[in-house]
Amino acid sequence: MTLVGIGYDCHRLVEGRPLVLGGVEIGHDRGLAGHSDADVLAHAVTDALLGAAGMGDIGQHFPDTDERWRGADSIELLRAVVALLAEHRLAPANVDCTVIIEAPAISPHRERIRRRLADALGLDSGRVNVKATTSEGMGFVGAGEGAAALAVATVGDAPPAGGAGG
């Protein structure tokens, strides 16, 4: 059986924070505001996985009211969700995601982001697609006030423990 989920996240861009997208720190004059590292791309992927598995959303598992998650590395949260899926005999099969930001350009960082996400997901990087776009000057993203990300994930039955993997 194949299960499909979608994820979305957005955060404001602010001074004094690093810009982290897909687990990669990208040089920029502003970063994303949030309780954790505010990695909108990792958050969208996490929500897509949780949605596919019918397990709620990132806020239920890692609430911003819990100080344990202050400054958390969102790639580690993603790894925790992959482990949670495994406990339910599920595993990510592929992810397609898009980051929406006016600047900086994502293309120089795309392969590093792709590899970082694939590693956290336990997938070959060919099963993780990372795209980027702008919003053509429209809305909060277009005004340079923030960034957003979308993700679609498929989840399937995990191979039995100790069995042959794919």
C-alpha atoms as a PDB file:
ATOM      1  CA  MET A   1       0.000   0.000   0.000  1.00  0.00           C
ATOM      2  CA  THR A   2       1.195   3.510  -0.791  1.00  0.00           C
ATOM      3  CA  LEU A   3       0.121   6.424   1.376  1.00  0.00           C
ATOM      4  CA  VAL A   4       0.443  10.071   0.320  1.00  0.00           C
ATOM      5  CA  GLY A   5       0.703  13.193   2.448  1.00  0.00           C
ATOM      6  CA  ILE A   6       1.243  16.883   1.882  1.00  0.00           C
ATOM      7  CA  GLY A   7       3.022  19.406   4.066  1.00  0.00           C
ATOM      8  CA  TYR A   8       3.268  23.182   4.158  1.00  0.00           C
ATOM      9  CA  ASP A   9       5.150  25.596   6.366  1.00  0.00           C
ATOM     10  CA  CYS A  10       6.070  29.271   6.380  1.00  0.00           C
ATOM     11  CA  HIS A  11       8.126  31.544   8.639  1.00  0.00           C
ATOM     12  CA  ARG A  12       9.107  35.205   8.741  1.00  0.00           C
ATOM     13  CA  LEU A  13      12.604  36.305   7.737  1.00  0.00           C
ATOM     14  CA  VAL A  14      14.335  38.240  10.533  1.00  0.00           C
ATOM     15  CA  GLU A  15      17.778  39.620  11.274  1.00  0.00           C
ATOM     16  CA  GLY A  16      20.070  37.794  13.668  1.00  0.00           C
ATOM     17  CA  ARG A  17      19.079  34.245  12.709  1.00  0.00           C
ATOM     18  CA  PRO A  18      20.782  31.795  10.338  1.00  0.00           C
ATOM     19  CA  LEU A  19      18.885  30.744   7.233  1.00  0.00           C
ATOM     20  CA  VAL A  20      18.487  26.951   7.336  1.00  0.00           C
ATOM     21  CA  LEU A  21      16.696  25.161   4.501  1.00  0.00           C
ATOM     22  CA  GLY A  22      16.572  21.394   4.222  1.00  0.00           C
ATOM     23  CA  GLY A  23      19.192  21.092   6.952  1.00  0.00           C
ATOM     24  CA  VAL A  24      21.698  23.308   5.123  1.00  0.00           C
ATOM     25  CA  GLU A  25      22.762  26.694   6.460  1.00  0.00           C
ATOM     26  CA  ILE A  26      22.723  29.194   3.609  1.00  0.00           C
ATOM     27  CA  GLY A  27      24.547  32.507   3.799  1.00  0.00           C
ATOM     28  CA  HIS A  28      22.025  35.361   3.884  1.00  0.00           C
ATOM     29  CA  ASP A  29      21.507  38.608   5.781  1.00  0.00           C
ATOM     30  CA  ARG A  30      18.393  37.200   7.494  1.00  0.00           C
ATOM     31  CA  GLY A  31      17.134  33.860   8.707  1.00  0.00           C
ATOM     32  CA  LEU A  32      13.785  32.347   9.567  1.00  0.00           C
ATOM     33  CA  ALA A  33      12.115  33.096  12.904  1.00  0.00           C
ATOM     34  CA  GLY A  34      10.762  30.200  14.911  1.00  0.00           C
ATOM     35  CA  HIS A  35      10.949  28.143  18.084  1.00  0.00           C
ATOM     36  CA  SER A  36      13.260  25.583  16.446  1.00  0.00           C
ATOM     37  CA  ASP A  37      15.737  26.411  13.675  1.00  0.00           C
ATOM     38  CA  ALA A  38      12.610  27.328  11.634  1.00  0.00           C
ATOM     39  CA  ASP A  39      13.647  25.176   8.650  1.00  0.00           C
ATOM     40  CA  VAL A  40      10.470  25.508   6.576  1.00  0.00           C
ATOM     41  CA  LEU A  41      11.586  22.846   4.113  1.00  0.00           C
ATOM     42  CA  ALA A  42      12.323  20.176   6.728  1.00  0.00           C
ATOM     43  CA  HIS A  43       9.061  21.097   8.489  1.00  0.00           C
ATOM     44  CA  ALA A  44       7.024  20.690   5.302  1.00  0.00           C
ATOM     45  CA  VAL A  45       8.627  17.291   4.629  1.00  0.00           C
ATOM     46  CA  THR A  46       7.978  16.234   8.232  1.00  0.00           C
ATOM     47  CA  ASP A  47       4.316  17.234   7.965  1.00  0.00           C
ATOM     48  CA  ALA A  48       3.970  15.407   4.637  1.00  0.00           C
ATOM     49  CA  LEU A  49       5.270  12.186   6.225  1.00  0.00           C
ATOM     50  CA  LEU A  50       3.045  12.552   9.274  1.00  0.00           C
ATOM     51  CA  GLY A  51       0.066  13.273   7.023  1.00  0.00           C
ATOM     52  CA  ALA A  52       0.706  10.204   4.873  1.00  0.00           C
ATOM     53  CA  ALA A  53       0.838   8.037   7.982  1.00  0.00           C
ATOM     54  CA  GLY A  54      -2.239   9.663   9.546  1.00  0.00           C
ATOM     55  CA  MET A  55      -0.170  10.733  12.563  1.00  0.00           C
ATOM     56  CA  GLY A  56      -1.116  14.383  12.951  1.00  0.00           C
ATOM     57  CA  ASP A  57       1.328  17.204  12.364  1.00  0.00           C
ATOM     58  CA  ILE A  58       4.682  18.540  13.502  1.00  0.00           C
ATOM     59  CA  GLY A  59       3.071  20.818  16.103  1.00  0.00           C
ATOM     60  CA  GLN A  60       1.488  17.842  17.854  1.00  0.00           C
ATOM     61  CA  HIS A  61       4.786  15.968  18.109  1.00  0.00           C
ATOM     62  CA  PHE A  62       7.123  18.934  18.719  1.00  0.00           C
ATOM     63  CA  PRO A  63       4.999  21.792  20.120  1.00  0.00           C
ATOM     64  CA  ASP A  64       6.493  25.279  20.301  1.00  0.00           C
ATOM     65  CA  THR A  65       5.222  25.450  23.880  1.00  0.00           C
ATOM     66  CA  ASP A  66       7.766  22.788  24.893  1.00  0.00           C
ATOM     67  CA  GLU A  67      11.203  24.176  25.731  1.00  0.00           C
ATOM     68  CA  ARG A  68      12.836  20.876  24.697  1.00  0.00           C
ATOM     69  CA  TRP A  69      12.350  21.936  21.091  1.00  0.00           C
ATOM     70  CA  ARG A  70      13.727  25.506  21.404  1.00  0.00           C
ATOM     71  CA  GLY A  71      16.464  25.864  18.793  1.00  0.00           C
ATOM     72  CA  ALA A  72      15.977  22.244  17.700  1.00  0.00           C
ATOM     73  CA  ASP A  73      17.665  20.995  14.538  1.00  0.00           C
ATOM     74  CA  SER A  74      14.719  20.259  12.250  1.00  0.00           C
ATOM     75  CA  ILE A  75      16.637  17.499  10.478  1.00  0.00           C
ATOM     76  CA  GLU A  76      16.796  15.682  13.828  1.00  0.00           C
ATOM     77  CA  LEU A  77      13.031  16.149  14.215  1.00  0.00           C
ATOM     78  CA  LEU A  78      12.619  14.686  10.731  1.00  0.00           C
ATOM     79  CA  ARG A  79      14.785  11.705  11.724  1.00  0.00           C
ATOM     80  CA  ALA A  80      12.587  11.214  14.809  1.00  0.00           C
ATOM     81  CA  VAL A  81       9.479  11.096  12.610  1.00  0.00           C
ATOM     82  CA  VAL A  82      11.128   8.557  10.279  1.00  0.00           C
ATOM     83  CA  ALA A  83      11.835   6.436  13.386  1.00  0.00           C
ATOM     84  CA  LEU A  84       8.210   6.856  14.503  1.00  0.00           C
ATOM     85  CA  LEU A  85       7.043   5.646  11.102  1.00  0.00           C
ATOM     86  CA  ALA A  86       9.345   2.624  11.400  1.00  0.00           C
ATOM     87  CA  GLU A  87       7.719   1.759  14.748  1.00  0.00           C
ATOM     88  CA  HIS A  88       4.467   1.504  12.775  1.00  0.00           C
ATOM     89  CA  ARG A  89       6.146  -0.556  10.032  1.00  0.00           C
ATOM     90  CA  LEU A  90       6.100   2.338   7.574  1.00  0.00           C
ATOM     91  CA  ALA A  91       8.931   3.979   5.627  1.00  0.00           C
ATOM     92  CA  PRO A  92       9.285   6.990   3.327  1.00  0.00           C
ATOM     93  CA  ALA A  93       9.330   6.017  -0.365  1.00  0.00           C
ATOM     94  CA  ASN A  94       9.889   9.398  -1.978  1.00  0.00           C
ATOM     95  CA  VAL A  95       9.560  13.140  -1.369  1.00  0.00           C
ATOM     96  CA  ASP A  96       9.000  16.035  -3.740  1.00  0.00           C
ATOM     97  CA  CYS A  97       9.344  19.486  -2.224  1.00  0.00           C
ATOM     98  CA  THR A  98       9.449  23.141  -3.178  1.00  0.00           C
ATOM     99  CA  VAL A  99      10.893  26.062  -1.250  1.00  0.00           C
ATOM    100  CA  ILE A 100       9.367  29.457  -2.055  1.00  0.00           C
ATOM    101  CA  ILE A 101      11.674  32.379  -1.321  1.00  0.00           C
ATOM    102  CA  GLU A 102      12.658  35.552  -3.175  1.00  0.00           C
ATOM    103  CA  ALA A 103      16.326  35.485  -2.129  1.00  0.00           C
ATOM    104  CA  PRO A 104      18.840  33.972  -1.864  1.00  0.00           C
ATOM    105  CA  ALA A 105      18.932  31.660  -4.865  1.00  0.00           C
ATOM    106  CA  ILE A 106      18.537  28.028  -3.853  1.00  0.00           C
ATOM    107  CA  SER A 107      20.072  26.421  -6.939  1.00  0.00           C
ATOM    108  CA  PRO A 108      23.694  26.588  -5.665  1.00  0.00           C
ATOM    109  CA  HIS A 109      22.582  24.645  -2.550  1.00  0.00           C
ATOM    110  CA  ARG A 110      20.055  22.259  -4.110  1.00  0.00           C
ATOM    111  CA  GLU A 111      22.220  19.120  -4.193  1.00  0.00           C
ATOM    112  CA  ARG A 112      23.450  19.564  -0.602  1.00  0.00           C
ATOM    113  CA  ILE A 113      19.841  20.052   0.543  1.00  0.00           C
ATOM    114  CA  ARG A 114      18.736  17.020  -1.424  1.00  0.00           C
ATOM    115  CA  ARG A 115      21.466  14.820   0.059  1.00  0.00           C
ATOM    116  CA  ARG A 116      20.803  16.086   3.593  1.00  0.00           C
ATOM    117  CA  LEU A 117      17.077  15.378   3.345  1.00  0.00           C
ATOM    118  CA  ALA A 118      17.693  11.970   1.722  1.00  0.00           C
ATOM    119  CA  ASP A 119      20.065  11.005   4.521  1.00  0.00           C
ATOM    120  CA  ALA A 120      17.506  11.951   7.188  1.00  0.00           C
ATOM    121  CA  LEU A 121      14.799  10.049   5.330  1.00  0.00           C
ATOM    122  CA  GLY A 122      16.929   6.944   4.778  1.00  0.00           C
ATOM    123  CA  LEU A 123      16.464   7.280   1.020  1.00  0.00           C
ATOM    124  CA  ASP A 124      18.687   7.366  -2.024  1.00  0.00           C
ATOM    125  CA  SER A 125      18.954  11.008  -3.119  1.00  0.00           C
ATOM    126  CA  GLY A 126      17.223  10.060  -6.368  1.00  0.00           C
ATOM    127  CA  ARG A 127      14.048   9.604  -4.329  1.00  0.00           C
ATOM    128  CA  VAL A 128      14.150  13.191  -3.050  1.00  0.00           C
ATOM    129  CA  ASN A 129      13.371  16.079  -5.364  1.00  0.00           C
ATOM    130  CA  VAL A 130      14.043  19.682  -4.313  1.00  0.00           C
ATOM    131  CA  LYS A 131      12.706  22.594  -6.314  1.00  0.00           C
ATOM    132  CA  ALA A 132      12.691  26.321  -5.668  1.00  0.00           C
ATOM    133  CA  THR A 133      10.656  29.233  -6.916  1.00  0.00           C
ATOM    134  CA  THR A 134       9.843  32.828  -6.105  1.00  0.00           C
ATOM    135  CA  SER A 135       6.399  34.345  -5.815  1.00  0.00           C
ATOM    136  CA  GLU A 136       7.137  36.987  -8.454  1.00  0.00           C
ATOM    137  CA  GLY A 137       7.013  39.864  -5.957  1.00  0.00           C
ATOM    138  CA  MET A 138       3.537  38.967  -4.692  1.00  0.00           C
ATOM    139  CA  GLY A 139       2.482  38.401  -1.078  1.00  0.00           C
ATOM    140  CA  PHE A 140       4.655  38.090   2.026  1.00  0.00           C
ATOM    141  CA  VAL A 141       7.227  35.916   0.240  1.00  0.00           C
ATOM    142  CA  GLY A 142       7.400  38.279  -2.717  1.00  0.00           C
ATOM    143  CA  ALA A 143       7.897  41.227  -0.370  1.00  0.00           C
ATOM    144  CA  GLY A 144      10.891  39.413   1.138  1.00  0.00           C
ATOM    145  CA  GLU A 145       9.146  39.087   4.503  1.00  0.00           C
ATOM    146  CA  GLY A 146       9.332  35.311   4.729  1.00  0.00           C
ATOM    147  CA  ALA A 147       9.696  31.938   3.085  1.00  0.00           C
ATOM    148  CA  ALA A 148       7.408  28.971   2.597  1.00  0.00           C
ATOM    149  CA  ALA A 149       7.739  25.350   1.550  1.00  0.00           C
ATOM    150  CA  LEU A 150       5.497  22.611   0.208  1.00  0.00           C
ATOM    151  CA  ALA A 151       6.148  18.885   0.226  1.00  0.00           C
ATOM    152  CA  VAL A 152       4.471  15.719  -0.976  1.00  0.00           C
ATOM    153  CA  ALA A 153       5.620  12.411   0.466  1.00  0.00           C
ATOM    154  CA  THR A 154       4.764   8.824  -0.244  1.00  0.00           C
ATOM    155  CA  VAL A 155       5.044   6.262   2.512  1.00  0.00           C
ATOM    156  CA  GLY A 156       4.870   2.504   2.182  1.00  0.00           C
ATOM    157  CA  ASP A 157       5.302  -0.650   4.193  1.00  0.00           C
ATOM    158  CA  ALA A 158       8.751  -0.897   5.741  1.00  0.00           C
ATOM    159  CA  PRO A 159      10.773  -4.038   5.047  1.00  0.00           C
ATOM    160  CA  PRO A 160      10.743  -6.454   7.996  1.00  0.00           C
ATOM    161  CA  ALA A 161      13.471  -5.860  10.587  1.00  0.00           C
ATOM    162  CA  GLY A 162      16.555  -7.780   9.542  1.00  0.00           C
ATOM    163  CA  GLY A 163      15.002  -8.538   6.160  1.00  0.00           C
ATOM    164  CA  ALA A 164      16.208  -7.544   2.737  1.00  0.00           C
ATOM    165  CA  GLY A 165      15.696  -3.839   2.016  1.00  0.00           C
ATOM    166  CA  GLY A 166      14.933  -2.138  -1.281  1.00  0.00           C
END
